[in-house]
Amino acid sequence: MPGLLIKDFPPELHRRLKEEAVRYHRSMTRQALVLLEQALSAPSQNTAGLLPDPLKPASTLAPSDVIAVIRENRDANLLNVPK
């Protein structure tokens, strides 16, 4: 099983982890794993609302308009190619 070594562990964070471990009758290692599991399993609050609603289109452009823009940019780039 992979291991993890945390260097420069802040003393205050170490104290809080130890208190949590005692409170829940766990080793510090087990408590750290439980907290990591909870943090990584929960949806991130920092990214809430950043992703578009999957039911809403990301753009109001019609597919034909998107194709037209791509062609215009491609054609403009072809005209500016150095010889």
PDB file of N, CA and C in Angstrom:
ATOM      1  N   MET A   1       0.857  -1.181   0.000  1.00  0.00           N
ATOM      2  CA  MET A   1       0.000   0.000   0.000  1.00  0.00           C
ATOM      3  C   MET A   1       0.899   1.239   0.000  1.00  0.00           C
ATOM      4  N   PRO A   2       0.569   2.245  -0.808  1.00  0.00           N
ATOM      5  CA  PRO A   2       1.385   3.460  -0.854  1.00  0.00           C
ATOM      6  C   PRO A   2       1.408   4.186   0.487  1.00  0.00           C
ATOM      7  N   GLY A   3       2.506   4.861   0.743  1.00  0.00           N
ATOM      8  CA  GLY A   3       2.641   5.649   1.966  1.00  0.00           C
ATOM      9  C   GLY A   3       2.651   7.129   1.632  1.00  0.00           C
ATOM     10  N   LEU A   4       2.511   7.939   2.656  1.00  0.00           N
ATOM     11  CA  LEU A   4       2.520   9.389   2.487  1.00  0.00           C
ATOM     12  C   LEU A   4       3.295   9.991   3.643  1.00  0.00           C
ATOM     13  N   LEU A   5       4.262  10.830   3.317  1.00  0.00           N
ATOM     14  CA  LEU A   5       5.053  11.533   4.320  1.00  0.00           C
ATOM     15  C   LEU A   5       4.778  13.014   4.142  1.00  0.00           C
ATOM     16  N   ILE A   6       4.357  13.669   5.201  1.00  0.00           N
ATOM     17  CA  ILE A   6       4.079  15.104   5.138  1.00  0.00           C
ATOM     18  C   ILE A   6       5.177  15.820   5.902  1.00  0.00           C
ATOM     19  N   LYS A   7       5.938  16.641   5.177  1.00  0.00           N
ATOM     20  CA  LYS A   7       7.020  17.404   5.805  1.00  0.00           C
ATOM     21  C   LYS A   7       6.503  18.774   6.207  1.00  0.00           C
ATOM     22  N   ASP A   8       7.168  19.363   7.184  1.00  0.00           N
ATOM     23  CA  ASP A   8       6.827  20.712   7.668  1.00  0.00           C
ATOM     24  C   ASP A   8       5.355  20.805   8.076  1.00  0.00           C
ATOM     25  N   PHE A   9       4.888  19.795   8.786  1.00  0.00           N
ATOM     26  CA  PHE A   9       3.500  19.754   9.261  1.00  0.00           C
ATOM     27  C   PHE A   9       3.332  20.834  10.322  1.00  0.00           C
ATOM     28  N   PRO A  10       2.447  21.791  10.119  1.00  0.00           N
ATOM     29  CA  PRO A  10       2.281  22.878  11.091  1.00  0.00           C
ATOM     30  C   PRO A  10       1.874  22.342  12.467  1.00  0.00           C
ATOM     31  N   PRO A  11       2.522  22.799  13.535  1.00  0.00           N
ATOM     32  CA  PRO A  11       2.228  22.300  14.884  1.00  0.00           C
ATOM     33  C   PRO A  11       0.755  22.447  15.272  1.00  0.00           C
ATOM     34  N   GLU A  12       0.132  23.543  14.910  1.00  0.00           N
ATOM     35  CA  GLU A  12      -1.277  23.752  15.262  1.00  0.00           C
ATOM     36  C   GLU A  12      -2.170  22.736  14.555  1.00  0.00           C
ATOM     37  N   LEU A  13      -1.887  22.452  13.308  1.00  0.00           N
ATOM     38  CA  LEU A  13      -2.661  21.461  12.569  1.00  0.00           C
ATOM     39  C   LEU A  13      -2.431  20.067  13.154  1.00  0.00           C
ATOM     40  N   HIS A  14      -1.205  19.788  13.555  1.00  0.00           N
ATOM     41  CA  HIS A  14      -0.883  18.510  14.193  1.00  0.00           C
ATOM     42  C   HIS A  14      -1.679  18.349  15.487  1.00  0.00           C
ATOM     43  N   ARG A  15      -1.736  19.418  16.276  1.00  0.00           N
ATOM     44  CA  ARG A  15      -2.485  19.382  17.536  1.00  0.00           C
ATOM     45  C   ARG A  15      -3.965  19.115  17.278  1.00  0.00           C
ATOM     46  N   ARG A  16      -4.524  19.800  16.275  1.00  0.00           N
ATOM     47  CA  ARG A  16      -5.951  19.624  15.975  1.00  0.00           C
ATOM     48  C   ARG A  16      -6.244  18.214  15.475  1.00  0.00           C
ATOM     49  N   LEU A  17      -5.352  17.670  14.658  1.00  0.00           N
ATOM     50  CA  LEU A  17      -5.528  16.307  14.167  1.00  0.00           C
ATOM     51  C   LEU A  17      -5.476  15.318  15.322  1.00  0.00           C
ATOM     52  N   LYS A  18      -4.550  15.538  16.242  1.00  0.00           N
ATOM     53  CA  LYS A  18      -4.420  14.656  17.403  1.00  0.00           C
ATOM     54  C   LYS A  18      -5.681  14.706  18.265  1.00  0.00           C
ATOM     55  N   GLU A  19      -6.214  15.907  18.478  1.00  0.00           N
ATOM     56  CA  GLU A  19      -7.452  16.049  19.262  1.00  0.00           C
ATOM     57  C   GLU A  19      -8.617  15.328  18.588  1.00  0.00           C
ATOM     58  N   GLU A  20      -8.729  15.466  17.275  1.00  0.00           N
ATOM     59  CA  GLU A  20      -9.797  14.776  16.534  1.00  0.00           C
ATOM     60  C   GLU A  20      -9.638  13.262  16.653  1.00  0.00           C
ATOM     61  N   ALA A  21      -8.410  12.785  16.532  1.00  0.00           N
ATOM     62  CA  ALA A  21      -8.158  11.348  16.627  1.00  0.00           C
ATOM     63  C   ALA A  21      -8.564  10.818  17.998  1.00  0.00           C
ATOM     64  N   VAL A  22      -8.219  11.543  19.052  1.00  0.00           N
ATOM     65  CA  VAL A  22      -8.593  11.133  20.413  1.00  0.00           C
ATOM     66  C   VAL A  22     -10.109  11.140  20.556  1.00  0.00           C
ATOM     67  N   ARG A  23     -10.747  12.181  20.054  1.00  0.00           N
ATOM     68  CA  ARG A  23     -12.200  12.317  20.176  1.00  0.00           C
ATOM     69  C   ARG A  23     -12.927  11.129  19.540  1.00  0.00           C
ATOM     70  N   TYR A  24     -12.428  10.649  18.403  1.00  0.00           N
ATOM     71  CA  TYR A  24     -13.099   9.560  17.690  1.00  0.00           C
ATOM     72  C   TYR A  24     -12.434   8.200  17.911  1.00  0.00           C
ATOM     73  N   HIS A  25     -11.517   8.145  18.887  1.00  0.00           N
ATOM     74  CA  HIS A  25     -10.850   6.887  19.258  1.00  0.00           C
ATOM     75  C   HIS A  25     -10.164   6.255  18.045  1.00  0.00           C
ATOM     76  N   ARG A  26      -9.425   7.087  17.318  1.00  0.00           N
ATOM     77  CA  ARG A  26      -8.693   6.613  16.148  1.00  0.00           C
ATOM     78  C   ARG A  26      -7.225   6.990  16.305  1.00  0.00           C
ATOM     79  N   SER A  27      -6.389   6.292  15.549  1.00  0.00           N
ATOM     80  CA  SER A  27      -4.988   6.720  15.469  1.00  0.00           C
ATOM     81  C   SER A  27      -4.946   7.998  14.634  1.00  0.00           C
ATOM     82  N   MET A  28      -3.857   8.728  14.752  1.00  0.00           N
ATOM     83  CA  MET A  28      -3.736   9.952  13.953  1.00  0.00           C
ATOM     84  C   MET A  28      -3.715   9.619  12.462  1.00  0.00           C
ATOM     85  N   THR A  29      -3.079   8.509  12.107  1.00  0.00           N
ATOM     86  CA  THR A  29      -3.040   8.107  10.700  1.00  0.00           C
ATOM     87  C   THR A  29      -4.443   7.822  10.185  1.00  0.00           C
ATOM     88  N   ARG A  30      -5.201   7.059  10.974  1.00  0.00           N
ATOM     89  CA  ARG A  30      -6.569   6.714  10.555  1.00  0.00           C
ATOM     90  C   ARG A  30      -7.428   7.973  10.465  1.00  0.00           C
ATOM     91  N   GLN A  31      -7.290   8.885  11.410  1.00  0.00           N
ATOM     92  CA  GLN A  31      -8.081  10.118  11.396  1.00  0.00           C
ATOM     93  C   GLN A  31      -7.721  10.960  10.173  1.00  0.00           C
ATOM     94  N   ALA A  32      -6.429  11.030   9.848  1.00  0.00           N
ATOM     95  CA  ALA A  32      -6.005  11.778   8.661  1.00  0.00           C
ATOM     96  C   ALA A  32      -6.608  11.167   7.402  1.00  0.00           C
ATOM     97  N   LEU A  33      -6.635   9.834   7.326  1.00  0.00           N
ATOM     98  CA  LEU A  33      -7.240   9.167   6.171  1.00  0.00           C
ATOM     99  C   LEU A  33      -8.734   9.435   6.085  1.00  0.00           C
ATOM    100  N   VAL A  34      -9.421   9.401   7.221  1.00  0.00           N
ATOM    101  CA  VAL A  34     -10.862   9.676   7.241  1.00  0.00           C
ATOM    102  C   VAL A  34     -11.132  11.096   6.746  1.00  0.00           C
ATOM    103  N   LEU A  35     -10.355  12.054   7.240  1.00  0.00           N
ATOM    104  CA  LEU A  35     -10.557  13.448   6.837  1.00  0.00           C
ATOM    105  C   LEU A  35     -10.239  13.661   5.361  1.00  0.00           C
ATOM    106  N   LEU A  36      -9.181  13.026   4.869  1.00  0.00           N
ATOM    107  CA  LEU A  36      -8.859  13.128   3.442  1.00  0.00           C
ATOM    108  C   LEU A  36      -9.967  12.525   2.586  1.00  0.00           C
ATOM    109  N   GLU A  37     -10.462  11.376   2.998  1.00  0.00           N
ATOM    110  CA  GLU A  37     -11.548  10.716   2.263  1.00  0.00           C
ATOM    111  C   GLU A  37     -12.782  11.611   2.205  1.00  0.00           C
ATOM    112  N   GLN A  38     -13.134  12.211   3.340  1.00  0.00           N
ATOM    113  CA  GLN A  38     -14.298  13.109   3.378  1.00  0.00           C
ATOM    114  C   GLN A  38     -14.083  14.323   2.482  1.00  0.00           C
ATOM    115  N   ALA A  39     -12.909  14.902   2.551  1.00  0.00           N
ATOM    116  CA  ALA A  39     -12.625  16.112   1.770  1.00  0.00           C
ATOM    117  C   ALA A  39     -12.619  15.825   0.278  1.00  0.00           C
ATOM    118  N   LEU A  40     -12.088  14.679  -0.110  1.00  0.00           N
ATOM    119  CA  LEU A  40     -11.997  14.363  -1.530  1.00  0.00           C
ATOM    120  C   LEU A  40     -13.286  13.783  -2.093  1.00  0.00           C
ATOM    121  N   SER A  41     -14.170  13.297  -1.231  1.00  0.00           N
ATOM    122  CA  SER A  41     -15.439  12.738  -1.688  1.00  0.00           C
ATOM    123  C   SER A  41     -16.527  13.789  -1.803  1.00  0.00           C
ATOM    124  N   ALA A  42     -16.421  14.842  -1.011  1.00  0.00           N
ATOM    125  CA  ALA A  42     -17.444  15.890  -1.015  1.00  0.00           C
ATOM    126  C   ALA A  42     -17.278  16.760  -2.253  1.00  0.00           C
ATOM    127  N   PRO A  43     -18.401  17.217  -2.822  1.00  0.00           N
ATOM    128  CA  PRO A  43     -18.281  18.140  -3.954  1.00  0.00           C
ATOM    129  C   PRO A  43     -17.571  19.411  -3.514  1.00  0.00           C
ATOM    130  N   SER A  44     -16.694  19.888  -4.336  1.00  0.00           N
ATOM    131  CA  SER A  44     -15.927  21.082  -4.005  1.00  0.00           C
ATOM    132  C   SER A  44     -16.818  22.307  -4.012  1.00  0.00           C
ATOM    133  N   GLN A  45     -16.790  23.052  -2.912  1.00  0.00           N
ATOM    134  CA  GLN A  45     -17.584  24.276  -2.835  1.00  0.00           C
ATOM    135  C   GLN A  45     -16.939  25.373  -3.666  1.00  0.00           C
ATOM    136  N   ASN A  46     -15.639  25.251  -3.909  1.00  0.00           N
ATOM    137  CA  ASN A  46     -14.942  26.275  -4.687  1.00  0.00           C
ATOM    138  C   ASN A  46     -15.343  26.262  -6.152  1.00  0.00           C
ATOM    139  N   THR A  47     -15.773  25.105  -6.656  1.00  0.00           N
ATOM    140  CA  THR A  47     -16.126  25.011  -8.063  1.00  0.00           C
ATOM    141  C   THR A  47     -17.630  25.043  -8.294  1.00  0.00           C
ATOM    142  N   ALA A  48     -18.405  25.126  -7.231  1.00  0.00           N
ATOM    143  CA  ALA A  48     -19.856  25.162  -7.394  1.00  0.00           C
ATOM    144  C   ALA A  48     -20.247  26.363  -8.236  1.00  0.00           C
ATOM    145  N   GLY A  49     -21.026  26.124  -9.246  1.00  0.00           N
ATOM    146  CA  GLY A  49     -21.508  27.199 -10.100  1.00  0.00           C
ATOM    147  C   GLY A  49     -20.559  27.575 -11.221  1.00  0.00           C
ATOM    148  N   LEU A  50     -19.376  26.978 -11.272  1.00  0.00           N
ATOM    149  CA  LEU A  50     -18.436  27.305 -12.337  1.00  0.00           C
ATOM    150  C   LEU A  50     -18.721  26.532 -13.617  1.00  0.00           C
ATOM    151  N   LEU A  51     -19.285  25.357 -13.478  1.00  0.00           N
ATOM    152  CA  LEU A  51     -19.594  24.562 -14.653  1.00  0.00           C
ATOM    153  C   LEU A  51     -20.976  24.926 -15.178  1.00  0.00           C
ATOM    154  N   PRO A  52     -21.149  24.929 -16.488  1.00  0.00           N
ATOM    155  CA  PRO A  52     -22.466  25.263 -17.030  1.00  0.00           C
ATOM    156  C   PRO A  52     -23.475  24.168 -16.711  1.00  0.00           C
ATOM    157  N   ASP A  53     -24.711  24.549 -16.663  1.00  0.00           N
ATOM    158  CA  ASP A  53     -25.788  23.593 -16.474  1.00  0.00           C
ATOM    159  C   ASP A  53     -25.777  22.658 -17.678  1.00  0.00           C
ATOM    160  N   PRO A  54     -25.715  21.352 -17.463  1.00  0.00           N
ATOM    161  CA  PRO A  54     -25.614  20.444 -18.610  1.00  0.00           C
ATOM    162  C   PRO A  54     -26.835  20.488 -19.524  1.00  0.00           C
ATOM    163  N   LEU A  55     -27.945  21.014 -19.038  1.00  0.00           N
ATOM    164  CA  LEU A  55     -29.144  21.084 -19.864  1.00  0.00           C
ATOM    165  C   LEU A  55     -29.192  22.357 -20.698  1.00  0.00           C
ATOM    166  N   LYS A  56     -28.337  23.320 -20.375  1.00  0.00           N
ATOM    167  CA  LYS A  56     -28.305  24.568 -21.129  1.00  0.00           C
ATOM    168  C   LYS A  56     -27.162  24.515 -22.135  1.00  0.00           C
ATOM    169  N   PRO A  57     -27.401  25.000 -23.342  1.00  0.00           N
ATOM    170  CA  PRO A  57     -26.295  25.014 -24.305  1.00  0.00           C
ATOM    171  C   PRO A  57     -25.206  25.982 -23.853  1.00  0.00           C
ATOM    172  N   ALA A  58     -23.977  25.640 -24.129  1.00  0.00           N
ATOM    173  CA  ALA A  58     -22.854  26.490 -23.741  1.00  0.00           C
ATOM    174  C   ALA A  58     -22.795  27.744 -24.595  1.00  0.00           C
ATOM    175  N   SER A  59     -23.416  27.708 -25.767  1.00  0.00           N
ATOM    176  CA  SER A  59     -23.386  28.842 -26.679  1.00  0.00           C
ATOM    177  C   SER A  59     -24.771  29.037 -27.273  1.00  0.00           C
ATOM    178  N   THR A  60     -25.057  30.268 -27.641  1.00  0.00           N
ATOM    179  CA  THR A  60     -26.341  30.552 -28.295  1.00  0.00           C
ATOM    180  C   THR A  60     -26.199  30.506 -29.811  1.00  0.00           C
ATOM    181  N   LEU A  61     -24.980  30.238 -30.297  1.00  0.00           N
ATOM    182  CA  LEU A  61     -24.763  30.146 -31.736  1.00  0.00           C
ATOM    183  C   LEU A  61     -25.338  28.849 -32.284  1.00  0.00           C
ATOM    184  N   ALA A  62     -25.906  28.954 -33.461  1.00  0.00           N
ATOM    185  CA  ALA A  62     -26.379  27.755 -34.151  1.00  0.00           C
ATOM    186  C   ALA A  62     -25.163  27.010 -34.693  1.00  0.00           C
ATOM    187  N   PRO A  63     -25.259  25.703 -34.857  1.00  0.00           N
ATOM    188  CA  PRO A  63     -24.121  24.948 -35.391  1.00  0.00           C
ATOM    189  C   PRO A  63     -23.602  25.510 -36.719  1.00  0.00           C
ATOM    190  N   SER A  64     -24.500  25.963 -37.573  1.00  0.00           N
ATOM    191  CA  SER A  64     -24.056  26.523 -38.861  1.00  0.00           C
ATOM    192  C   SER A  64     -23.247  27.803 -38.652  1.00  0.00           C
ATOM    193  N   ASP A  65     -23.597  28.592 -37.624  1.00  0.00           N
ATOM    194  CA  ASP A  65     -22.833  29.808 -37.325  1.00  0.00           C
ATOM    195  C   ASP A  65     -21.433  29.464 -36.819  1.00  0.00           C
ATOM    196  N   VAL A  66     -21.347  28.425 -36.015  1.00  0.00           N
ATOM    197  CA  VAL A  66     -20.045  27.995 -35.498  1.00  0.00           C
ATOM    198  C   VAL A  66     -19.151  27.570 -36.661  1.00  0.00           C
ATOM    199  N   ILE A  67     -19.711  26.804 -37.575  1.00  0.00           N
ATOM    200  CA  ILE A  67     -18.947  26.353 -38.745  1.00  0.00           C
ATOM    201  C   ILE A  67     -18.493  27.548 -39.575  1.00  0.00           C
ATOM    202  N   ALA A  68     -19.363  28.531 -39.747  1.00  0.00           N
ATOM    203  CA  ALA A  68     -19.015  29.725 -40.522  1.00  0.00           C
ATOM    204  C   ALA A  68     -17.852  30.475 -39.875  1.00  0.00           C
ATOM    205  N   VAL A  69     -17.868  30.613 -38.559  1.00  0.00           N
ATOM    206  CA  VAL A  69     -16.784  31.308 -37.853  1.00  0.00           C
ATOM    207  C   VAL A  69     -15.472  30.543 -38.018  1.00  0.00           C
ATOM    208  N   ILE A  70     -15.526  29.233 -37.894  1.00  0.00           N
ATOM    209  CA  ILE A  70     -14.321  28.413 -38.065  1.00  0.00           C
ATOM    210  C   ILE A  70     -13.755  28.596 -39.468  1.00  0.00           C
ATOM    211  N   ARG A  71     -14.627  28.567 -40.473  1.00  0.00           N
ATOM    212  CA  ARG A  71     -14.167  28.724 -41.860  1.00  0.00           C
ATOM    213  C   ARG A  71     -13.577  30.106 -42.095  1.00  0.00           C
ATOM    214  N   GLU A  72     -14.216  31.126 -41.538  1.00  0.00           N
ATOM    215  CA  GLU A  72     -13.702  32.492 -41.708  1.00  0.00           C
ATOM    216  C   GLU A  72     -12.304  32.617 -41.105  1.00  0.00           C
ATOM    217  N   ASN A  73     -12.133  32.091 -39.914  1.00  0.00           N
ATOM    218  CA  ASN A  73     -10.820  32.166 -39.259  1.00  0.00           C
ATOM    219  C   ASN A  73      -9.778  31.347 -40.007  1.00  0.00           C
ATOM    220  N   ARG A  74     -10.182  30.186 -40.479  1.00  0.00           N
ATOM    221  CA  ARG A  74      -9.256  29.347 -41.239  1.00  0.00           C
ATOM    222  C   ARG A  74      -8.824  30.063 -42.510  1.00  0.00           C
ATOM    223  N   ASP A  75      -9.801  30.630 -43.240  1.00  0.00           N
ATOM    224  CA  ASP A  75      -9.495  31.328 -44.485  1.00  0.00           C
ATOM    225  C   ASP A  75      -8.615  32.548 -44.225  1.00  0.00           C
ATOM    226  N   ALA A  76      -8.893  33.278 -43.154  1.00  0.00           N
ATOM    227  CA  ALA A  76      -8.086  34.453 -42.818  1.00  0.00           C
ATOM    228  C   ALA A  76      -6.657  34.038 -42.494  1.00  0.00           C
ATOM    229  N   ASN A  77      -6.497  32.925 -41.795  1.00  0.00           N
ATOM    230  CA  ASN A  77      -5.154  32.435 -41.459  1.00  0.00           C
ATOM    231  C   ASN A  77      -4.411  31.966 -42.699  1.00  0.00           C
ATOM    232  N   LEU A  78      -5.122  31.365 -43.651  1.00  0.00           N
ATOM    233  CA  LEU A  78      -4.482  30.903 -44.879  1.00  0.00           C
ATOM    234  C   LEU A  78      -3.982  32.075 -45.712  1.00  0.00           C
ATOM    235  N   LEU A  79      -4.709  33.185 -45.680  1.00  0.00           N
ATOM    236  CA  LEU A  79      -4.308  34.361 -46.446  1.00  0.00           C
ATOM    237  C   LEU A  79      -3.091  35.043 -45.834  1.00  0.00           C
ATOM    238  N   ASN A  80      -2.866  34.857 -44.539  1.00  0.00           N
ATOM    239  CA  ASN A  80      -1.760  35.516 -43.842  1.00  0.00           C
ATOM    240  C   ASN A  80      -0.524  34.638 -43.698  1.00  0.00           C
ATOM    241  N   VAL A  81      -0.501  33.515 -44.394  1.00  0.00           N
ATOM    242  CA  VAL A  81       0.643  32.608 -44.302  1.00  0.00           C
ATOM    243  C   VAL A  81       1.820  33.235 -45.039  1.00  0.00           C
ATOM    244  N   PRO A  82       2.994  33.362 -44.374  1.00  0.00           N
ATOM    245  CA  PRO A  82       4.167  33.936 -45.055  1.00  0.00           C
ATOM    246  C   PRO A  82       4.646  33.018 -46.175  1.00  0.00           C
ATOM    247  N   LYS A  83       5.130  33.640 -47.241  1.00  0.00           N
ATOM    248  CA  LYS A  83       5.599  32.851 -48.396  1.00  0.00           C
ATOM    249  C   LYS A  83       7.091  32.697 -48.358  1.00  0.00           C
TER     250      LYS A  83
END
